[in-house]
């Protein structure tokens, strides 16, 4: 493992724990919590794909020049 990636991994785990605790504080049913978690996962996954696509497209465009 690259030591430069250790801090982002630890902070990501911390943010994930914070999100789970805040979601649990609403005391919703399991079905509603799962629906909300999947919706947020879809939002962040979609944003990740958009950013990755942009980075790949920019890299491809710079390779063509």
PDB file of N, CA and C in Angstrom:
ATOM      1  N   UNK A   1       0.837  -1.174   0.000  1.00  0.00           N
ATOM      2  CA  UNK A   1       0.000   0.000   0.000  1.00  0.00           C
ATOM      3  C   UNK A   1       0.887   1.245   0.000  1.00  0.00           C
ATOM      4  N   UNK A   2       0.477   2.190  -0.767  1.00  0.00           N
ATOM      5  CA  UNK A   2       1.197   3.456  -0.879  1.00  0.00           C
ATOM      6  C   UNK A   2       0.935   4.312   0.370  1.00  0.00           C
ATOM      7  N   UNK A   3       1.972   4.802   1.041  1.00  0.00           N
ATOM      8  CA  UNK A   3       1.745   5.625   2.239  1.00  0.00           C
ATOM      9  C   UNK A   3       0.970   6.908   1.958  1.00  0.00           C
ATOM     10  N   UNK A   4       1.018   7.387   0.729  1.00  0.00           N
ATOM     11  CA  UNK A   4       0.268   8.595   0.382  1.00  0.00           C
ATOM     12  C   UNK A   4      -1.240   8.359   0.386  1.00  0.00           C
ATOM     13  N   UNK A   5      -1.650   7.111   0.258  1.00  0.00           N
ATOM     14  CA  UNK A   5      -3.080   6.791   0.235  1.00  0.00           C
ATOM     15  C   UNK A   5      -3.639   6.481   1.615  1.00  0.00           C
ATOM     16  N   UNK A   6      -2.795   6.408   2.622  1.00  0.00           N
ATOM     17  CA  UNK A   6      -3.256   6.037   3.953  1.00  0.00           C
ATOM     18  C   UNK A   6      -4.196   7.091   4.543  1.00  0.00           C
ATOM     19  N   UNK A   7      -3.841   8.349   4.460  1.00  0.00           N
ATOM     20  CA  UNK A   7      -4.689   9.409   5.012  1.00  0.00           C
ATOM     21  C   UNK A   7      -6.057   9.483   4.319  1.00  0.00           C
ATOM     22  N   UNK A   8      -6.133   9.445   2.985  1.00  0.00           N
ATOM     23  CA  UNK A   8      -7.474   9.465   2.366  1.00  0.00           C
ATOM     24  C   UNK A   8      -8.327   8.254   2.732  1.00  0.00           C
ATOM     25  N   UNK A   9      -7.708   7.103   2.904  1.00  0.00           N
ATOM     26  CA  UNK A   9      -8.479   5.915   3.281  1.00  0.00           C
ATOM     27  C   UNK A   9      -9.016   6.067   4.698  1.00  0.00           C
ATOM     28  N   UNK A  10      -8.185   6.524   5.614  1.00  0.00           N
ATOM     29  CA  UNK A  10      -8.619   6.699   7.006  1.00  0.00           C
ATOM     30  C   UNK A  10      -9.712   7.760   7.097  1.00  0.00           C
ATOM     31  N   UNK A  11      -9.552   8.876   6.403  1.00  0.00           N
ATOM     32  CA  UNK A  11     -10.580   9.916   6.461  1.00  0.00           C
ATOM     33  C   UNK A  11     -11.874   9.466   5.791  1.00  0.00           C
ATOM     34  N   UNK A  12     -11.781   8.679   4.736  1.00  0.00           N
ATOM     35  CA  UNK A  12     -12.994   8.160   4.090  1.00  0.00           C
ATOM     36  C   UNK A  12     -13.745   7.231   5.026  1.00  0.00           C
ATOM     37  N   UNK A  13     -13.022   6.395   5.752  1.00  0.00           N
ATOM     38  CA  UNK A  13     -13.668   5.516   6.728  1.00  0.00           C
ATOM     39  C   UNK A  13     -14.324   6.354   7.824  1.00  0.00           C
ATOM     40  N   UNK A  14     -13.652   7.393   8.265  1.00  0.00           N
ATOM     41  CA  UNK A  14     -14.234   8.278   9.277  1.00  0.00           C
ATOM     42  C   UNK A  14     -15.511   8.940   8.798  1.00  0.00           C
ATOM     43  N   UNK A  15     -15.506   9.431   7.562  1.00  0.00           N
ATOM     44  CA  UNK A  15     -16.711  10.061   7.016  1.00  0.00           C
ATOM     45  C   UNK A  15     -17.837   9.037   6.862  1.00  0.00           C
ATOM     46  N   UNK A  16     -17.493   7.819   6.472  1.00  0.00           N
ATOM     47  CA  UNK A  16     -18.503   6.772   6.331  1.00  0.00           C
ATOM     48  C   UNK A  16     -19.137   6.454   7.681  1.00  0.00           C
ATOM     49  N   UNK A  17     -18.317   6.375   8.724  1.00  0.00           N
ATOM     50  CA  UNK A  17     -18.848   6.129  10.062  1.00  0.00           C
ATOM     51  C   UNK A  17     -19.751   7.287  10.491  1.00  0.00           C
ATOM     52  N   UNK A  18     -19.321   8.517  10.233  1.00  0.00           N
ATOM     53  CA  UNK A  18     -20.130   9.684  10.584  1.00  0.00           C
ATOM     54  C   UNK A  18     -21.478   9.665   9.862  1.00  0.00           C
ATOM     55  N   UNK A  19     -21.479   9.307   8.596  1.00  0.00           N
ATOM     56  CA  UNK A  19     -22.736   9.232   7.833  1.00  0.00           C
ATOM     57  C   UNK A  19     -23.648   8.144   8.380  1.00  0.00           C
ATOM     58  N   UNK A  20     -23.080   6.993   8.724  1.00  0.00           N
ATOM     59  CA  UNK A  20     -23.891   5.893   9.251  1.00  0.00           C
ATOM     60  C   UNK A  20     -24.497   6.253  10.601  1.00  0.00           C
ATOM     61  N   UNK A  21     -23.728   6.919  11.455  1.00  0.00           N
ATOM     62  CA  UNK A  21     -24.236   7.312  12.764  1.00  0.00           C
ATOM     63  C   UNK A  21     -25.339   8.356  12.618  1.00  0.00           C
ATOM     64  N   UNK A  22     -25.145   9.316  11.724  1.00  0.00           N
ATOM     65  CA  UNK A  22     -26.179  10.335  11.546  1.00  0.00           C
ATOM     66  C   UNK A  22     -27.447   9.739  10.949  1.00  0.00           C
ATOM     67  N   UNK A  23     -27.324   8.787  10.061  1.00  0.00           N
ATOM     68  CA  UNK A  23     -28.499   8.127   9.490  1.00  0.00           C
ATOM     69  C   UNK A  23     -29.209   7.293  10.553  1.00  0.00           C
ATOM     70  N   UNK A  24     -28.448   6.633  11.404  1.00  0.00           N
ATOM     71  CA  UNK A  24     -29.051   5.820  12.461  1.00  0.00           C
ATOM     72  C   UNK A  24     -29.769   6.685  13.498  1.00  0.00           C
ATOM     73  N   UNK A  25     -29.359   7.945  13.642  1.00  0.00           N
ATOM     74  CA  UNK A  25     -29.996   8.809  14.639  1.00  0.00           C
ATOM     75  C   UNK A  25     -31.443   9.147  14.288  1.00  0.00           C
ATOM     76  N   UNK A  26     -31.821   8.991  13.031  1.00  0.00           N
ATOM     77  CA  UNK A  26     -33.202   9.249  12.636  1.00  0.00           C
ATOM     78  C   UNK A  26     -34.145   8.126  13.060  1.00  0.00           C
ATOM     79  N   UNK A  27     -33.598   6.973  13.420  1.00  0.00           N
ATOM     80  CA  UNK A  27     -34.361   5.807  13.872  1.00  0.00           C
ATOM     81  C   UNK A  27     -35.459   5.426  12.881  1.00  0.00           C
ATOM     82  N   UNK A  28     -35.066   5.328  11.637  1.00  0.00           N
ATOM     83  CA  UNK A  28     -36.000   4.918  10.593  1.00  0.00           C
ATOM     84  C   UNK A  28     -36.036   3.399  10.520  1.00  0.00           C
ATOM     85  N   UNK A  29     -36.999   2.886   9.789  1.00  0.00           N
ATOM     86  CA  UNK A  29     -37.059   1.447   9.572  1.00  0.00           C
ATOM     87  C   UNK A  29     -35.936   1.010   8.643  1.00  0.00           C
ATOM     88  N   UNK A  30     -35.652  -0.273   8.650  1.00  0.00           N
ATOM     89  CA  UNK A  30     -34.557  -0.801   7.837  1.00  0.00           C
ATOM     90  C   UNK A  30     -34.802  -0.561   6.352  1.00  0.00           C
ATOM     91  N   UNK A  31     -36.033  -0.688   5.918  1.00  0.00           N
ATOM     92  CA  UNK A  31     -36.346  -0.484   4.504  1.00  0.00           C
ATOM     93  C   UNK A  31     -36.083   0.950   4.052  1.00  0.00           C
ATOM     94  N   UNK A  32     -36.499   1.907   4.869  1.00  0.00           N
ATOM     95  CA  UNK A  32     -36.287   3.323   4.533  1.00  0.00           C
ATOM     96  C   UNK A  32     -34.803   3.668   4.578  1.00  0.00           C
ATOM     97  N   UNK A  33     -34.081   3.127   5.576  1.00  0.00           N
ATOM     98  CA  UNK A  33     -32.641   3.392   5.662  1.00  0.00           C
ATOM     99  C   UNK A  33     -31.907   2.812   4.459  1.00  0.00           C
ATOM    100  N   UNK A  34     -32.283   1.614   4.053  1.00  0.00           N
ATOM    101  CA  UNK A  34     -31.638   0.991   2.900  1.00  0.00           C
ATOM    102  C   UNK A  34     -31.920   1.783   1.634  1.00  0.00           C
ATOM    103  N   UNK A  35     -33.148   2.270   1.486  1.00  0.00           N
ATOM    104  CA  UNK A  35     -33.504   3.088   0.323  1.00  0.00           C
ATOM    105  C   UNK A  35     -32.675   4.368   0.281  1.00  0.00           C
ATOM    106  N   UNK A  36     -32.543   5.030   1.427  1.00  0.00           N
ATOM    107  CA  UNK A  36     -31.767   6.264   1.479  1.00  0.00           C
ATOM    108  C   UNK A  36     -30.284   5.994   1.216  1.00  0.00           C
ATOM    109  N   UNK A  37     -29.767   4.910   1.777  1.00  0.00           N
ATOM    110  CA  UNK A  37     -28.357   4.572   1.576  1.00  0.00           C
ATOM    111  C   UNK A  37     -28.078   4.262   0.103  1.00  0.00           C
ATOM    112  N   UNK A  38     -28.971   3.544  -0.535  1.00  0.00           N
ATOM    113  CA  UNK A  38     -28.792   3.236  -1.954  1.00  0.00           C
ATOM    114  C   UNK A  38     -28.910   4.489  -2.817  1.00  0.00           C
ATOM    115  N   UNK A  39     -29.787   5.394  -2.437  1.00  0.00           N
ATOM    116  CA  UNK A  39     -29.911   6.642  -3.194  1.00  0.00           C
ATOM    117  C   UNK A  39     -28.621   7.456  -3.098  1.00  0.00           C
ATOM    118  N   UNK A  40     -28.044   7.566  -1.890  1.00  0.00           N
ATOM    119  CA  UNK A  40     -26.796   8.307  -1.729  1.00  0.00           C
ATOM    120  C   UNK A  40     -25.640   7.597  -2.437  1.00  0.00           C
ATOM    121  N   UNK A  41     -25.625   6.277  -2.393  1.00  0.00           N
ATOM    122  CA  UNK A  41     -24.575   5.532  -3.098  1.00  0.00           C
ATOM    123  C   UNK A  41     -24.683   5.775  -4.603  1.00  0.00           C
ATOM    124  N   UNK A  42     -25.916   5.850  -5.120  1.00  0.00           N
ATOM    125  CA  UNK A  42     -26.107   6.121  -6.548  1.00  0.00           C
ATOM    126  C   UNK A  42     -25.646   7.537  -6.898  1.00  0.00           C
ATOM    127  N   UNK A  43     -25.938   8.499  -6.027  1.00  0.00           N
ATOM    128  CA  UNK A  43     -25.516   9.880  -6.285  1.00  0.00           C
ATOM    129  C   UNK A  43     -23.995   9.981  -6.314  1.00  0.00           C
ATOM    130  N   UNK A  44     -23.340   9.456  -5.282  1.00  0.00           N
ATOM    131  CA  UNK A  44     -21.883   9.546  -5.233  1.00  0.00           C
ATOM    132  C   UNK A  44     -21.218   8.686  -6.303  1.00  0.00           C
ATOM    133  N   UNK A  45     -21.804   7.537  -6.604  1.00  0.00           N
ATOM    134  CA  UNK A  45     -21.266   6.696  -7.677  1.00  0.00           C
ATOM    135  C   UNK A  45     -21.382   7.380  -9.028  1.00  0.00           C
ATOM    136  N   UNK A  46     -22.519   8.041  -9.258  1.00  0.00           N
ATOM    137  CA  UNK A  46     -22.696   8.770 -10.512  1.00  0.00           C
ATOM    138  C   UNK A  46     -21.712   9.922 -10.642  1.00  0.00           C
ATOM    139  N   UNK A  47     -21.502  10.649  -9.547  1.00  0.00           N
ATOM    140  CA  UNK A  47     -20.527  11.743  -9.583  1.00  0.00           C
ATOM    141  C   UNK A  47     -19.113  11.218  -9.819  1.00  0.00           C
ATOM    142  N   UNK A  48     -18.798  10.082  -9.203  1.00  0.00           N
ATOM    143  CA  UNK A  48     -17.485   9.472  -9.412  1.00  0.00           C
ATOM    144  C   UNK A  48     -17.303   9.110 -10.886  1.00  0.00           C
ATOM    145  N   UNK A  49     -18.319   8.530 -11.487  1.00  0.00           N
ATOM    146  CA  UNK A  49     -18.224   8.152 -12.904  1.00  0.00           C
ATOM    147  C   UNK A  49     -18.078   9.376 -13.806  1.00  0.00           C
ATOM    148  N   UNK A  50     -18.784  10.447 -13.493  1.00  0.00           N
ATOM    149  CA  UNK A  50     -18.670  11.672 -14.290  1.00  0.00           C
ATOM    150  C   UNK A  50     -17.253  12.236 -14.196  1.00  0.00           C
ATOM    151  N   UNK A  51     -16.704  12.298 -12.995  1.00  0.00           N
ATOM    152  CA  UNK A  51     -15.349  12.822 -12.820  1.00  0.00           C
ATOM    153  C   UNK A  51     -14.332  11.924 -13.501  1.00  0.00           C
ATOM    154  N   UNK A  52     -14.475  10.600 -13.357  1.00  0.00           N
ATOM    155  CA  UNK A  52     -13.550   9.676 -14.012  1.00  0.00           C
ATOM    156  C   UNK A  52     -13.635   9.806 -15.529  1.00  0.00           C
ATOM    157  N   UNK A  53     -14.851   9.935 -16.056  1.00  0.00           N
ATOM    158  CA  UNK A  53     -15.010  10.083 -17.498  1.00  0.00           C
ATOM    159  C   UNK A  53     -14.329  11.364 -17.971  1.00  0.00           C
ATOM    160  N   UNK A  54     -14.494  12.445 -17.197  1.00  0.00           N
ATOM    161  CA  UNK A  54     -13.877  13.714 -17.553  1.00  0.00           C
ATOM    162  C   UNK A  54     -12.356  13.592 -17.551  1.00  0.00           C
ATOM    163  N   UNK A  55     -11.812  12.917 -16.552  1.00  0.00           N
ATOM    164  CA  UNK A  55     -10.350  12.764 -16.456  1.00  0.00           C
ATOM    165  C   UNK A  55      -9.822  11.905 -17.617  1.00  0.00           C
ATOM    166  N   UNK A  56     -10.537  10.844 -17.951  1.00  0.00           N
ATOM    167  CA  UNK A  56     -10.116  10.000 -19.074  1.00  0.00           C
ATOM    168  C   UNK A  56     -10.221  10.763 -20.389  1.00  0.00           C
ATOM    169  N   UNK A  57     -11.310  11.507 -20.567  1.00  0.00           N
ATOM    170  CA  UNK A  57     -11.476  12.287 -21.794  1.00  0.00           C
ATOM    171  C   UNK A  57     -10.409  13.356 -21.915  1.00  0.00           C
ATOM    172  N   UNK A  58     -10.061  13.994 -20.813  1.00  0.00           N
ATOM    173  CA  UNK A  58      -9.012  15.014 -20.844  1.00  0.00           C
ATOM    174  C   UNK A  58      -7.652  14.389 -21.152  1.00  0.00           C
ATOM    175  N   UNK A  59      -7.388  13.206 -20.573  1.00  0.00           N
ATOM    176  CA  UNK A  59      -6.142  12.512 -20.856  1.00  0.00           C
ATOM    177  C   UNK A  59      -6.056  12.044 -22.295  1.00  0.00           C
ATOM    178  N   UNK A  60      -7.173  11.599 -22.847  1.00  0.00           N
ATOM    179  CA  UNK A  60      -7.200  11.169 -24.248  1.00  0.00           C
ATOM    180  C   UNK A  60      -6.995  12.349 -25.179  1.00  0.00           C
ATOM    181  N   UNK A  61      -7.635  13.479 -24.834  1.00  0.00           N
ATOM    182  CA  UNK A  61      -7.496  14.665 -25.676  1.00  0.00           C
ATOM    183  C   UNK A  61      -6.052  15.190 -25.651  1.00  0.00           C
ATOM    184  N   UNK A  62      -5.405  15.150 -24.492  1.00  0.00           N
ATOM    185  CA  UNK A  62      -4.037  15.636 -24.434  1.00  0.00           C
ATOM    186  C   UNK A  62      -3.081  14.690 -25.137  1.00  0.00           C
ATOM    187  N   UNK A  63      -3.418  13.400 -25.194  1.00  0.00           N
ATOM    188  CA  UNK A  63      -2.559  12.444 -25.899  1.00  0.00           C
ATOM    189  C   UNK A  63      -2.651  12.624 -27.406  1.00  0.00           C
ATOM    190  N   UNK A  64      -3.785  13.144 -27.901  1.00  0.00           N
ATOM    191  CA  UNK A  64      -3.956  13.339 -29.326  1.00  0.00           C
ATOM    192  C   UNK A  64      -3.164  14.535 -29.849  1.00  0.00           C
ATOM    193  N   UNK A  65      -2.853  15.484 -28.976  1.00  0.00           N
ATOM    194  CA  UNK A  65      -2.158  16.699 -29.422  1.00  0.00           C
ATOM    195  C   UNK A  65      -0.700  16.477 -29.559  1.00  0.00           C
TER     196      UNK A  65
END
